[in-house]
Amino acid sequence: MDSKEYLHSTDYNEGFDLPENINPKLTQKLAASYRGILEDLGEDVNREGLIDTPKRVAQSMQYLTHGYLIDPKKLLESAKFKEDYRQMVLVKDIEIYSLCEHHLIPFFGKAHVAYIPNGYITGLSKIVRVVEAFSRRLQVQERLTVQIRDCIQETLQPMGVAVVIEAKHLCMEMRGVRSQNSKATTSAFTGAFMNNLKTREEFISLIGSKLS
């Protein structure tokens, strides 16, 4: 049976709280897989410290990837209001925690998101929720940046959207080149932020002190 069949269906899920939203059937299936992985690595899965590890990891992975259960567009639409405001709206320092899809190792950092309304605004907390919804999936930073941008642009139809993410990737720090202090910065723009140099520079200036 496809593991997706175990996921509880939802059109809109603003929060994700343990243990209520952990799917027992999916937990059981994932735990069996993790038990096999531990055995293949040469571990004794029956020793005290590992007896409950497969179950704990199965529950943890559901939480770390719960963004698949959330529709980010519906998040924005749930708090979409008509408003004649046409200046930049900026939400800075949104914490992101995600899993690199190449090695399932975390990357984490800050997102800065801005848009210029064109008749509609959304609740500021919904911008944070959108970032959370996309980051709590298997990701690469480049795609995450674009997904946040496109979701806001397509849902609110603003005059422009700007997204900058700066993150540390443990796949670089713990394995491979083992670069201890490097960070990756990605950006994505639409509309006024793309076409108007002054607008883009204002955005960069407002978040500039946060970038290293």
N, C-alpha and C. Protein backbone atom coordinates (compact mmCIF):
# COMPACT_ATOMS: atom_id res chain seq x y z
N MET A 1 0.84 -1.20 0.00
CA MET A 1 0.00 0.00 0.00
C MET A 1 0.88 1.25 0.00
N ASP A 2 0.55 2.22 -0.83
CA ASP A 2 1.28 3.47 -0.89
C ASP A 2 1.20 4.17 0.46
N SER A 3 2.36 4.61 0.97
CA SER A 3 2.37 5.26 2.28
C SER A 3 1.51 6.50 2.32
N LYS A 4 1.27 7.12 1.15
CA LYS A 4 0.46 8.32 1.12
C LYS A 4 -0.97 8.04 1.57
N GLU A 5 -1.39 6.78 1.42
CA GLU A 5 -2.74 6.43 1.84
C GLU A 5 -2.91 6.55 3.35
N TYR A 6 -1.80 6.51 4.07
CA TYR A 6 -1.88 6.60 5.52
C TYR A 6 -2.01 8.04 5.99
N LEU A 7 -1.62 8.99 5.15
CA LEU A 7 -1.68 10.38 5.57
C LEU A 7 -3.12 10.82 5.73
N HIS A 8 -3.43 11.42 6.87
CA HIS A 8 -4.79 11.90 7.04
C HIS A 8 -5.01 13.07 6.10
N SER A 9 -6.14 13.07 5.41
CA SER A 9 -6.39 14.10 4.42
C SER A 9 -6.91 15.35 5.09
N THR A 10 -6.52 16.50 4.53
CA THR A 10 -6.99 17.79 5.04
C THR A 10 -6.85 18.83 3.95
N ASP A 11 -7.84 19.69 3.83
CA ASP A 11 -7.74 20.78 2.88
C ASP A 11 -7.05 21.98 3.48
N TYR A 12 -7.14 22.10 4.80
CA TYR A 12 -6.55 23.26 5.45
C TYR A 12 -6.18 22.90 6.87
N ASN A 13 -4.92 23.00 7.20
CA ASN A 13 -4.46 22.64 8.53
C ASN A 13 -3.47 23.71 8.98
N GLU A 14 -3.95 24.63 9.81
CA GLU A 14 -3.10 25.75 10.21
C GLU A 14 -2.01 25.32 11.18
N GLY A 15 -2.29 24.35 12.03
CA GLY A 15 -1.31 23.93 13.00
C GLY A 15 -1.01 22.45 12.89
N PHE A 16 -0.02 22.03 13.64
CA PHE A 16 0.33 20.62 13.65
C PHE A 16 0.87 20.32 15.04
N ASP A 17 0.06 19.71 15.88
CA ASP A 17 0.44 19.49 17.26
C ASP A 17 0.58 18.01 17.56
N LEU A 18 1.68 17.64 18.18
CA LEU A 18 1.86 16.27 18.63
C LEU A 18 1.08 16.07 19.93
N PRO A 19 0.52 14.88 20.17
CA PRO A 19 0.52 13.72 19.26
C PRO A 19 -0.73 13.63 18.42
N GLU A 20 -1.64 14.63 18.50
CA GLU A 20 -2.95 14.52 17.89
C GLU A 20 -2.89 14.26 16.38
N ASN A 21 -1.94 14.88 15.70
CA ASN A 21 -1.91 14.77 14.25
C ASN A 21 -0.91 13.75 13.73
N ILE A 22 -0.39 12.93 14.62
CA ILE A 22 0.47 11.83 14.19
C ILE A 22 -0.41 10.66 13.78
N ASN A 23 -0.17 10.14 12.58
CA ASN A 23 -0.98 9.06 12.06
C ASN A 23 -0.44 7.71 12.56
N PRO A 24 -1.22 6.98 13.33
CA PRO A 24 -0.71 5.72 13.93
C PRO A 24 -0.30 4.68 12.88
N LYS A 25 -1.08 4.56 11.80
CA LYS A 25 -0.74 3.56 10.78
C LYS A 25 0.55 3.92 10.07
N LEU A 26 0.72 5.20 9.76
CA LEU A 26 1.95 5.64 9.11
C LEU A 26 3.13 5.48 10.06
N THR A 27 2.92 5.76 11.34
CA THR A 27 3.98 5.57 12.33
C THR A 27 4.45 4.13 12.35
N GLN A 28 3.50 3.20 12.33
CA GLN A 28 3.84 1.78 12.36
C GLN A 28 4.64 1.37 11.14
N LYS A 29 4.23 1.86 9.98
CA LYS A 29 4.93 1.49 8.75
C LYS A 29 6.34 2.09 8.71
N LEU A 30 6.45 3.36 9.06
CA LEU A 30 7.76 4.01 9.05
C LEU A 30 8.69 3.39 10.08
N ALA A 31 8.15 3.08 11.26
CA ALA A 31 8.98 2.50 12.32
C ALA A 31 9.60 1.18 11.88
N ALA A 32 8.84 0.37 11.14
CA ALA A 32 9.37 -0.89 10.64
C ALA A 32 10.54 -0.65 9.69
N SER A 33 10.42 0.37 8.87
CA SER A 33 11.50 0.71 7.93
C SER A 33 12.74 1.19 8.68
N TYR A 34 12.55 2.05 9.66
CA TYR A 34 13.70 2.56 10.42
C TYR A 34 14.36 1.46 11.24
N ARG A 35 13.57 0.53 11.72
CA ARG A 35 14.15 -0.61 12.44
C ARG A 35 15.08 -1.39 11.52
N GLY A 36 14.63 -1.61 10.28
CA GLY A 36 15.46 -2.31 9.31
C GLY A 36 16.74 -1.55 8.99
N ILE A 37 16.65 -0.23 8.89
CA ILE A 37 17.82 0.59 8.61
C ILE A 37 18.84 0.47 9.73
N LEU A 38 18.37 0.53 10.98
CA LEU A 38 19.28 0.41 12.11
C LEU A 38 19.97 -0.95 12.13
N GLU A 39 19.20 -1.98 11.82
CA GLU A 39 19.78 -3.33 11.76
C GLU A 39 20.83 -3.42 10.66
N ASP A 40 20.54 -2.82 9.49
CA ASP A 40 21.49 -2.84 8.38
C ASP A 40 22.78 -2.09 8.72
N LEU A 41 22.68 -1.11 9.60
CA LEU A 41 23.86 -0.36 10.02
C LEU A 41 24.68 -1.11 11.07
N GLY A 42 24.17 -2.26 11.51
CA GLY A 42 24.89 -3.07 12.46
C GLY A 42 24.51 -2.87 13.91
N GLU A 43 23.42 -2.14 14.14
CA GLU A 43 22.99 -1.87 15.51
C GLU A 43 22.14 -3.00 16.06
N ASP A 44 22.14 -3.10 17.37
CA ASP A 44 21.25 -4.03 18.08
C ASP A 44 19.98 -3.26 18.44
N VAL A 45 18.92 -3.45 17.67
CA VAL A 45 17.70 -2.66 17.86
C VAL A 45 16.95 -3.05 19.12
N ASN A 46 17.41 -4.10 19.80
CA ASN A 46 16.74 -4.53 21.03
C ASN A 46 17.43 -4.02 22.29
N ARG A 47 18.54 -3.29 22.11
CA ARG A 47 19.17 -2.74 23.30
C ARG A 47 18.35 -1.56 23.82
N GLU A 48 18.53 -1.27 25.08
CA GLU A 48 17.64 -0.33 25.78
C GLU A 48 17.51 1.02 25.07
N GLY A 49 18.62 1.56 24.63
CA GLY A 49 18.58 2.90 24.04
C GLY A 49 17.90 2.97 22.69
N LEU A 50 17.73 1.86 22.01
CA LEU A 50 17.18 1.85 20.66
C LEU A 50 15.80 1.21 20.54
N ILE A 51 15.29 0.65 21.62
CA ILE A 51 14.03 -0.08 21.52
C ILE A 51 12.92 0.79 20.95
N ASP A 52 12.80 2.02 21.41
CA ASP A 52 11.73 2.90 20.96
C ASP A 52 12.17 3.90 19.90
N THR A 53 13.44 3.81 19.48
CA THR A 53 13.95 4.78 18.50
C THR A 53 13.20 4.73 17.17
N PRO A 54 12.92 3.57 16.58
CA PRO A 54 12.19 3.57 15.30
C PRO A 54 10.85 4.30 15.39
N LYS A 55 10.12 4.10 16.47
CA LYS A 55 8.84 4.77 16.63
C LYS A 55 9.03 6.27 16.80
N ARG A 56 10.02 6.66 17.60
CA ARG A 56 10.26 8.09 17.82
C ARG A 56 10.65 8.78 16.52
N VAL A 57 11.50 8.14 15.73
CA VAL A 57 11.93 8.73 14.46
C VAL A 57 10.75 8.82 13.50
N ALA A 58 9.91 7.80 13.48
CA ALA A 58 8.73 7.80 12.61
C ALA A 58 7.81 8.96 12.95
N GLN A 59 7.61 9.21 14.23
CA GLN A 59 6.77 10.34 14.64
C GLN A 59 7.45 11.66 14.33
N SER A 60 8.75 11.71 14.57
CA SER A 60 9.50 12.94 14.30
C SER A 60 9.46 13.31 12.83
N MET A 61 9.63 12.33 11.95
CA MET A 61 9.62 12.62 10.51
C MET A 61 8.27 13.12 10.04
N GLN A 62 7.20 12.65 10.65
CA GLN A 62 5.88 13.17 10.29
C GLN A 62 5.76 14.64 10.65
N TYR A 63 6.31 15.00 11.81
CA TYR A 63 6.29 16.40 12.20
C TYR A 63 7.18 17.24 11.30
N LEU A 64 8.38 16.75 11.02
CA LEU A 64 9.34 17.53 10.23
C LEU A 64 8.89 17.72 8.78
N THR A 65 7.99 16.88 8.32
CA THR A 65 7.49 17.00 6.93
C THR A 65 5.99 17.28 6.87
N HIS A 66 5.44 17.86 7.95
CA HIS A 66 3.99 18.07 7.97
C HIS A 66 3.52 19.14 7.00
N GLY A 67 4.46 19.84 6.36
CA GLY A 67 4.07 20.83 5.36
C GLY A 67 3.32 20.24 4.18
N TYR A 68 3.52 18.94 3.93
CA TYR A 68 2.78 18.29 2.85
C TYR A 68 1.28 18.27 3.11
N LEU A 69 0.89 18.40 4.37
CA LEU A 69 -0.52 18.34 4.73
C LEU A 69 -1.19 19.71 4.73
N ILE A 70 -0.44 20.74 4.40
CA ILE A 70 -0.95 22.10 4.48
C ILE A 70 -1.01 22.71 3.08
N ASP A 71 -2.12 23.38 2.78
CA ASP A 71 -2.26 24.10 1.51
C ASP A 71 -1.91 25.57 1.77
N PRO A 72 -0.72 26.02 1.35
CA PRO A 72 -0.30 27.39 1.65
C PRO A 72 -1.21 28.46 1.07
N LYS A 73 -1.78 28.20 -0.11
CA LYS A 73 -2.67 29.19 -0.72
C LYS A 73 -3.92 29.39 0.14
N LYS A 74 -4.43 28.31 0.69
CA LYS A 74 -5.61 28.44 1.55
C LYS A 74 -5.28 29.15 2.85
N LEU A 75 -4.03 29.03 3.29
CA LEU A 75 -3.62 29.80 4.45
C LEU A 75 -3.79 31.29 4.18
N LEU A 76 -3.30 31.74 3.02
CA LEU A 76 -3.41 33.16 2.68
C LEU A 76 -4.86 33.57 2.45
N GLU A 77 -5.60 32.71 1.77
CA GLU A 77 -7.00 33.04 1.46
C GLU A 77 -7.86 33.11 2.71
N SER A 78 -7.45 32.41 3.77
CA SER A 78 -8.24 32.42 5.00
C SER A 78 -8.18 33.76 5.72
N ALA A 79 -7.23 34.60 5.33
CA ALA A 79 -7.10 35.93 5.95
C ALA A 79 -6.76 36.94 4.86
N LYS A 80 -7.55 36.96 3.80
CA LYS A 80 -7.35 37.86 2.67
C LYS A 80 -8.39 38.98 2.76
N PHE A 81 -7.89 40.23 2.82
CA PHE A 81 -8.79 41.35 3.04
C PHE A 81 -8.55 42.45 2.01
N LYS A 82 -9.64 43.09 1.59
CA LYS A 82 -9.51 44.25 0.73
C LYS A 82 -8.96 45.43 1.53
N GLU A 83 -7.95 46.07 0.98
CA GLU A 83 -7.35 47.20 1.67
C GLU A 83 -6.60 48.06 0.66
N ASP A 84 -6.84 49.38 0.71
CA ASP A 84 -6.18 50.30 -0.22
C ASP A 84 -4.84 50.73 0.36
N TYR A 85 -3.93 49.78 0.43
CA TYR A 85 -2.58 50.05 0.92
C TYR A 85 -1.61 49.57 -0.13
N ARG A 86 -0.72 50.46 -0.59
CA ARG A 86 0.15 50.13 -1.71
C ARG A 86 1.61 50.40 -1.41
N GLN A 87 1.98 50.22 -0.14
CA GLN A 87 3.38 50.33 0.25
C GLN A 87 3.90 48.94 0.63
N MET A 88 5.19 48.86 0.78
CA MET A 88 5.80 47.56 1.07
C MET A 88 5.36 47.02 2.43
N VAL A 89 5.03 45.73 2.44
CA VAL A 89 4.77 44.99 3.68
C VAL A 89 5.90 43.98 3.81
N LEU A 90 6.65 44.07 4.90
CA LEU A 90 7.84 43.24 5.07
C LEU A 90 7.76 42.48 6.39
N VAL A 91 7.97 41.17 6.32
CA VAL A 91 8.10 40.34 7.51
C VAL A 91 9.52 39.77 7.52
N LYS A 92 10.30 40.19 8.51
CA LYS A 92 11.71 39.80 8.57
C LYS A 92 11.95 38.69 9.59
N ASP A 93 13.09 38.05 9.43
CA ASP A 93 13.60 37.10 10.43
C ASP A 93 12.64 35.95 10.72
N ILE A 94 12.02 35.42 9.68
CA ILE A 94 11.17 34.24 9.86
C ILE A 94 12.08 33.02 9.95
N GLU A 95 12.03 32.33 11.04
CA GLU A 95 12.89 31.16 11.22
C GLU A 95 12.43 30.01 10.31
N ILE A 96 13.38 29.39 9.66
CA ILE A 96 13.07 28.23 8.83
C ILE A 96 13.91 27.03 9.30
N TYR A 97 13.27 25.88 9.30
CA TYR A 97 13.92 24.61 9.58
C TYR A 97 13.41 23.62 8.54
N SER A 98 14.33 23.07 7.77
CA SER A 98 13.91 22.18 6.70
C SER A 98 14.89 21.02 6.59
N LEU A 99 14.54 20.05 5.75
CA LEU A 99 15.40 18.89 5.49
C LEU A 99 15.83 18.90 4.03
N CYS A 100 17.13 18.88 3.81
CA CYS A 100 17.65 18.79 2.46
C CYS A 100 17.22 17.45 1.84
N GLU A 101 16.63 17.52 0.66
CA GLU A 101 16.10 16.30 0.05
C GLU A 101 17.20 15.36 -0.46
N HIS A 102 18.43 15.84 -0.54
CA HIS A 102 19.51 15.01 -1.07
C HIS A 102 20.06 14.04 -0.02
N HIS A 103 20.11 14.49 1.24
CA HIS A 103 20.69 13.64 2.28
C HIS A 103 19.82 13.53 3.53
N LEU A 104 18.65 14.19 3.52
CA LEU A 104 17.76 14.22 4.69
C LEU A 104 18.48 14.76 5.92
N ILE A 105 19.32 15.77 5.70
CA ILE A 105 20.02 16.45 6.77
C ILE A 105 19.48 17.88 6.86
N PRO A 106 19.34 18.43 8.05
CA PRO A 106 18.69 19.74 8.19
C PRO A 106 19.46 20.89 7.56
N PHE A 107 18.72 21.89 7.10
CA PHE A 107 19.26 23.23 6.89
C PHE A 107 18.30 24.21 7.56
N PHE A 108 18.85 25.31 8.04
CA PHE A 108 18.05 26.22 8.86
C PHE A 108 18.60 27.64 8.74
N GLY A 109 17.73 28.61 8.99
CA GLY A 109 18.16 30.00 8.88
C GLY A 109 16.99 30.95 9.01
N LYS A 110 17.05 32.04 8.22
CA LYS A 110 16.04 33.08 8.27
C LYS A 110 15.50 33.38 6.88
N ALA A 111 14.21 33.70 6.83
CA ALA A 111 13.58 34.15 5.59
C ALA A 111 13.07 35.57 5.80
N HIS A 112 13.20 36.39 4.76
CA HIS A 112 12.67 37.75 4.76
C HIS A 112 11.72 37.85 3.56
N VAL A 113 10.49 38.20 3.83
CA VAL A 113 9.45 38.19 2.79
C VAL A 113 8.75 39.53 2.75
N ALA A 114 8.62 40.09 1.54
CA ALA A 114 7.93 41.36 1.36
C ALA A 114 7.00 41.29 0.17
N TYR A 115 5.92 42.08 0.21
CA TYR A 115 5.07 42.23 -0.95
C TYR A 115 4.47 43.64 -0.95
N ILE A 116 4.05 44.09 -2.11
CA ILE A 116 3.40 45.39 -2.26
C ILE A 116 1.97 45.12 -2.67
N PRO A 117 1.00 45.36 -1.79
CA PRO A 117 -0.40 45.02 -2.07
C PRO A 117 -0.94 45.74 -3.30
N ASN A 118 -1.91 45.10 -3.91
CA ASN A 118 -2.60 45.67 -5.06
C ASN A 118 -4.11 45.47 -4.87
N GLY A 119 -4.60 45.95 -3.72
CA GLY A 119 -6.02 45.82 -3.43
C GLY A 119 -6.33 44.82 -2.34
N TYR A 120 -5.37 43.90 -2.07
CA TYR A 120 -5.60 42.89 -1.04
C TYR A 120 -4.35 42.74 -0.17
N ILE A 121 -4.60 42.54 1.13
CA ILE A 121 -3.54 42.20 2.06
C ILE A 121 -3.91 40.86 2.72
N THR A 122 -2.96 40.32 3.46
CA THR A 122 -3.24 39.11 4.23
C THR A 122 -2.71 39.30 5.64
N GLY A 123 -3.17 38.48 6.57
CA GLY A 123 -2.67 38.56 7.93
C GLY A 123 -1.18 38.29 7.97
N LEU A 124 -0.45 39.08 8.76
CA LEU A 124 1.00 38.94 8.79
C LEU A 124 1.43 37.55 9.24
N SER A 125 0.67 36.97 10.15
CA SER A 125 1.04 35.63 10.62
C SER A 125 0.91 34.59 9.50
N LYS A 126 0.08 34.88 8.51
CA LYS A 126 -0.09 33.92 7.42
C LYS A 126 1.16 33.85 6.54
N ILE A 127 1.90 34.95 6.45
CA ILE A 127 3.16 34.92 5.72
C ILE A 127 4.12 33.95 6.40
N VAL A 128 4.16 34.01 7.72
CA VAL A 128 5.01 33.09 8.48
C VAL A 128 4.54 31.65 8.27
N ARG A 129 3.23 31.45 8.26
CA ARG A 129 2.68 30.11 8.08
C ARG A 129 3.02 29.54 6.70
N VAL A 130 3.01 30.40 5.69
CA VAL A 130 3.35 29.95 4.34
C VAL A 130 4.81 29.48 4.29
N VAL A 131 5.70 30.26 4.90
CA VAL A 131 7.10 29.86 4.96
C VAL A 131 7.24 28.52 5.67
N GLU A 132 6.52 28.36 6.77
CA GLU A 132 6.55 27.10 7.53
C GLU A 132 6.03 25.93 6.70
N ALA A 133 4.93 26.16 5.98
CA ALA A 133 4.32 25.08 5.21
C ALA A 133 5.26 24.55 4.14
N PHE A 134 5.97 25.44 3.46
CA PHE A 134 6.89 24.99 2.42
C PHE A 134 8.20 24.45 2.98
N SER A 135 8.65 25.00 4.10
CA SER A 135 9.93 24.55 4.64
C SER A 135 9.82 23.19 5.31
N ARG A 136 8.63 22.85 5.82
CA ARG A 136 8.45 21.55 6.47
C ARG A 136 8.13 20.46 5.45
N ARG A 137 8.98 20.42 4.43
CA ARG A 137 8.93 19.39 3.40
C ARG A 137 10.37 19.05 3.05
N LEU A 138 10.58 17.98 2.29
CA LEU A 138 11.91 17.74 1.76
C LEU A 138 12.19 18.81 0.72
N GLN A 139 13.31 19.52 0.87
CA GLN A 139 13.49 20.73 0.10
C GLN A 139 14.92 20.90 -0.39
N VAL A 140 15.06 21.83 -1.33
CA VAL A 140 16.31 22.51 -1.61
C VAL A 140 16.02 23.99 -1.42
N GLN A 141 17.00 24.75 -1.00
CA GLN A 141 16.76 26.14 -0.65
C GLN A 141 16.28 26.95 -1.84
N GLU A 142 16.80 26.64 -3.01
CA GLU A 142 16.41 27.39 -4.20
C GLU A 142 14.92 27.24 -4.49
N ARG A 143 14.42 26.01 -4.43
CA ARG A 143 13.00 25.78 -4.70
C ARG A 143 12.12 26.37 -3.61
N LEU A 144 12.56 26.25 -2.37
CA LEU A 144 11.81 26.82 -1.25
C LEU A 144 11.60 28.32 -1.46
N THR A 145 12.64 29.02 -1.87
CA THR A 145 12.55 30.47 -2.09
C THR A 145 11.51 30.80 -3.15
N VAL A 146 11.54 30.07 -4.25
CA VAL A 146 10.62 30.32 -5.36
C VAL A 146 9.18 29.94 -4.99
N GLN A 147 9.01 28.86 -4.26
CA GLN A 147 7.66 28.43 -3.88
C GLN A 147 6.96 29.48 -3.00
N ILE A 148 7.70 30.04 -2.06
CA ILE A 148 7.13 31.09 -1.21
C ILE A 148 6.73 32.29 -2.06
N ARG A 149 7.63 32.71 -2.93
CA ARG A 149 7.34 33.85 -3.82
C ARG A 149 6.10 33.60 -4.67
N ASP A 150 6.05 32.45 -5.33
CA ASP A 150 4.95 32.18 -6.27
C ASP A 150 3.61 32.04 -5.55
N CYS A 151 3.62 31.46 -4.36
CA CYS A 151 2.38 31.30 -3.61
C CYS A 151 1.76 32.67 -3.28
N ILE A 152 2.58 33.59 -2.82
CA ILE A 152 2.08 34.93 -2.47
C ILE A 152 1.64 35.67 -3.72
N GLN A 153 2.42 35.56 -4.79
CA GLN A 153 2.09 36.26 -6.02
C GLN A 153 0.77 35.75 -6.62
N GLU A 154 0.61 34.44 -6.67
CA GLU A 154 -0.57 33.86 -7.30
C GLU A 154 -1.83 34.05 -6.46
N THR A 155 -1.69 34.10 -5.14
CA THR A 155 -2.87 34.18 -4.27
C THR A 155 -3.33 35.61 -4.06
N LEU A 156 -2.39 36.52 -3.84
CA LEU A 156 -2.76 37.91 -3.53
C LEU A 156 -2.70 38.83 -4.74
N GLN A 157 -2.00 38.39 -5.80
CA GLN A 157 -1.82 39.22 -6.99
C GLN A 157 -1.31 40.62 -6.64
N PRO A 158 -0.24 40.72 -5.86
CA PRO A 158 0.30 42.02 -5.49
C PRO A 158 1.10 42.64 -6.62
N MET A 159 1.57 43.86 -6.39
CA MET A 159 2.39 44.53 -7.40
C MET A 159 3.81 43.97 -7.44
N GLY A 160 4.16 43.19 -6.44
CA GLY A 160 5.46 42.55 -6.44
C GLY A 160 5.69 41.78 -5.16
N VAL A 161 6.57 40.77 -5.25
CA VAL A 161 6.94 39.95 -4.10
C VAL A 161 8.45 39.82 -4.08
N ALA A 162 9.02 39.83 -2.87
CA ALA A 162 10.45 39.63 -2.70
C ALA A 162 10.68 38.62 -1.57
N VAL A 163 11.55 37.67 -1.83
CA VAL A 163 11.89 36.66 -0.82
C VAL A 163 13.40 36.48 -0.82
N VAL A 164 14.00 36.56 0.37
CA VAL A 164 15.42 36.25 0.55
C VAL A 164 15.54 35.27 1.69
N ILE A 165 16.31 34.20 1.48
CA ILE A 165 16.57 33.21 2.52
C ILE A 165 18.07 33.06 2.69
N GLU A 166 18.50 33.07 3.94
CA GLU A 166 19.89 32.80 4.28
C GLU A 166 19.91 31.62 5.23
N ALA A 167 20.67 30.58 4.90
CA ALA A 167 20.60 29.36 5.70
C ALA A 167 21.95 28.65 5.79
N LYS A 168 22.11 27.91 6.87
CA LYS A 168 23.25 27.02 7.05
C LYS A 168 22.80 25.60 6.75
N HIS A 169 23.64 24.88 6.03
CA HIS A 169 23.30 23.52 5.61
C HIS A 169 24.22 22.53 6.30
N LEU A 170 23.63 21.68 7.14
CA LEU A 170 24.44 20.71 7.86
C LEU A 170 25.02 19.65 6.94
N CYS A 171 24.45 19.49 5.75
CA CYS A 171 25.05 18.55 4.80
C CYS A 171 26.43 19.03 4.36
N MET A 172 26.68 20.34 4.43
CA MET A 172 28.01 20.87 4.12
C MET A 172 28.90 20.85 5.35
N GLU A 173 28.32 21.00 6.54
CA GLU A 173 29.12 21.11 7.76
C GLU A 173 29.46 19.75 8.36
N MET A 174 28.58 18.76 8.17
CA MET A 174 28.77 17.45 8.81
C MET A 174 29.38 16.41 7.88
N ARG A 175 29.31 16.64 6.56
CA ARG A 175 29.81 15.65 5.62
C ARG A 175 30.44 16.39 4.44
N GLY A 176 30.95 15.65 3.48
CA GLY A 176 31.49 16.27 2.27
C GLY A 176 32.63 17.24 2.56
N VAL A 177 32.46 18.50 2.14
CA VAL A 177 33.54 19.48 2.29
C VAL A 177 33.73 19.93 3.73
N ARG A 178 32.75 19.67 4.59
CA ARG A 178 32.81 20.03 6.01
C ARG A 178 33.16 21.51 6.19
N SER A 179 32.43 22.36 5.50
CA SER A 179 32.60 23.80 5.63
C SER A 179 31.80 24.27 6.83
N GLN A 180 32.49 24.77 7.86
CA GLN A 180 31.86 24.99 9.16
C GLN A 180 31.07 26.29 9.27
N ASN A 181 31.42 27.31 8.55
CA ASN A 181 30.80 28.62 8.76
C ASN A 181 30.13 29.21 7.52
N SER A 182 29.96 28.41 6.49
CA SER A 182 29.38 28.93 5.25
C SER A 182 27.87 29.01 5.36
N LYS A 183 27.31 29.99 4.65
CA LYS A 183 25.86 30.14 4.54
C LYS A 183 25.50 30.31 3.08
N ALA A 184 24.29 29.90 2.75
CA ALA A 184 23.77 30.06 1.39
C ALA A 184 22.67 31.10 1.40
N THR A 185 22.71 32.02 0.45
CA THR A 185 21.68 33.05 0.33
C THR A 185 21.01 32.92 -1.03
N THR A 186 19.68 32.86 -1.02
CA THR A 186 18.92 32.79 -2.26
C THR A 186 17.87 33.90 -2.26
N SER A 187 17.48 34.33 -3.45
CA SER A 187 16.49 35.39 -3.57
C SER A 187 15.58 35.12 -4.76
N ALA A 188 14.37 35.67 -4.68
CA ALA A 188 13.41 35.55 -5.77
C ALA A 188 12.51 36.77 -5.74
N PHE A 189 12.27 37.37 -6.91
CA PHE A 189 11.50 38.61 -7.00
C PHE A 189 10.45 38.52 -8.11
N THR A 190 9.40 39.30 -7.95
CA THR A 190 8.43 39.50 -9.03
C THR A 190 8.06 40.98 -9.08
N GLY A 191 7.44 41.38 -10.20
CA GLY A 191 6.84 42.70 -10.31
C GLY A 191 7.75 43.85 -9.98
N ALA A 192 7.30 44.72 -9.07
CA ALA A 192 8.02 45.94 -8.73
C ALA A 192 9.41 45.65 -8.19
N PHE A 193 9.59 44.54 -7.49
CA PHE A 193 10.90 44.21 -6.95
C PHE A 193 11.85 43.75 -8.06
N MET A 194 11.29 43.24 -9.13
CA MET A 194 12.09 42.80 -10.25
C MET A 194 12.42 43.97 -11.19
N ASN A 195 11.43 44.84 -11.41
CA ASN A 195 11.55 45.86 -12.46
C ASN A 195 11.96 47.24 -11.96
N ASN A 196 11.80 47.48 -10.66
CA ASN A 196 12.08 48.80 -10.12
C ASN A 196 13.29 48.71 -9.19
N LEU A 197 14.40 49.24 -9.66
CA LEU A 197 15.65 49.14 -8.90
C LEU A 197 15.52 49.81 -7.54
N LYS A 198 14.83 50.94 -7.47
CA LYS A 198 14.68 51.67 -6.21
C LYS A 198 13.90 50.84 -5.19
N THR A 199 12.86 50.16 -5.65
CA THR A 199 12.06 49.33 -4.75
C THR A 199 12.87 48.15 -4.23
N ARG A 200 13.62 47.53 -5.14
CA ARG A 200 14.43 46.39 -4.73
C ARG A 200 15.53 46.83 -3.76
N GLU A 201 16.13 47.98 -4.01
CA GLU A 201 17.17 48.48 -3.11
C GLU A 201 16.60 48.83 -1.74
N GLU A 202 15.36 49.34 -1.70
CA GLU A 202 14.73 49.63 -0.41
C GLU A 202 14.57 48.34 0.39
N PHE A 203 14.11 47.30 -0.28
CA PHE A 203 13.94 46.01 0.39
C PHE A 203 15.28 45.48 0.91
N ILE A 204 16.29 45.51 0.06
CA ILE A 204 17.61 45.02 0.47
C ILE A 204 18.16 45.84 1.62
N SER A 205 17.92 47.15 1.60
CA SER A 205 18.38 48.01 2.67
C SER A 205 17.70 47.66 3.99
N LEU A 206 16.41 47.37 3.94
CA LEU A 206 15.66 47.07 5.15
C LEU A 206 16.09 45.75 5.79
N ILE A 207 16.52 44.81 4.98
CA ILE A 207 16.96 43.52 5.53
C ILE A 207 18.46 43.39 5.59
N GLY A 208 19.17 44.39 5.03
CA GLY A 208 20.62 44.28 4.84
C GLY A 208 21.38 44.02 6.11
N SER A 209 20.95 44.61 7.22
CA SER A 209 21.67 44.44 8.47
C SER A 209 21.55 43.01 8.98
N LYS A 210 20.58 42.27 8.44
CA LYS A 210 20.38 40.89 8.88
C LYS A 210 21.22 39.90 8.09
N LEU A 211 21.77 40.34 6.97
CA LEU A 211 22.55 39.45 6.13
C LEU A 211 24.02 39.58 6.46
N SER A 212 24.72 38.47 6.48
CA SER A 212 26.15 38.51 6.78
C SER A 212 26.94 38.36 5.48
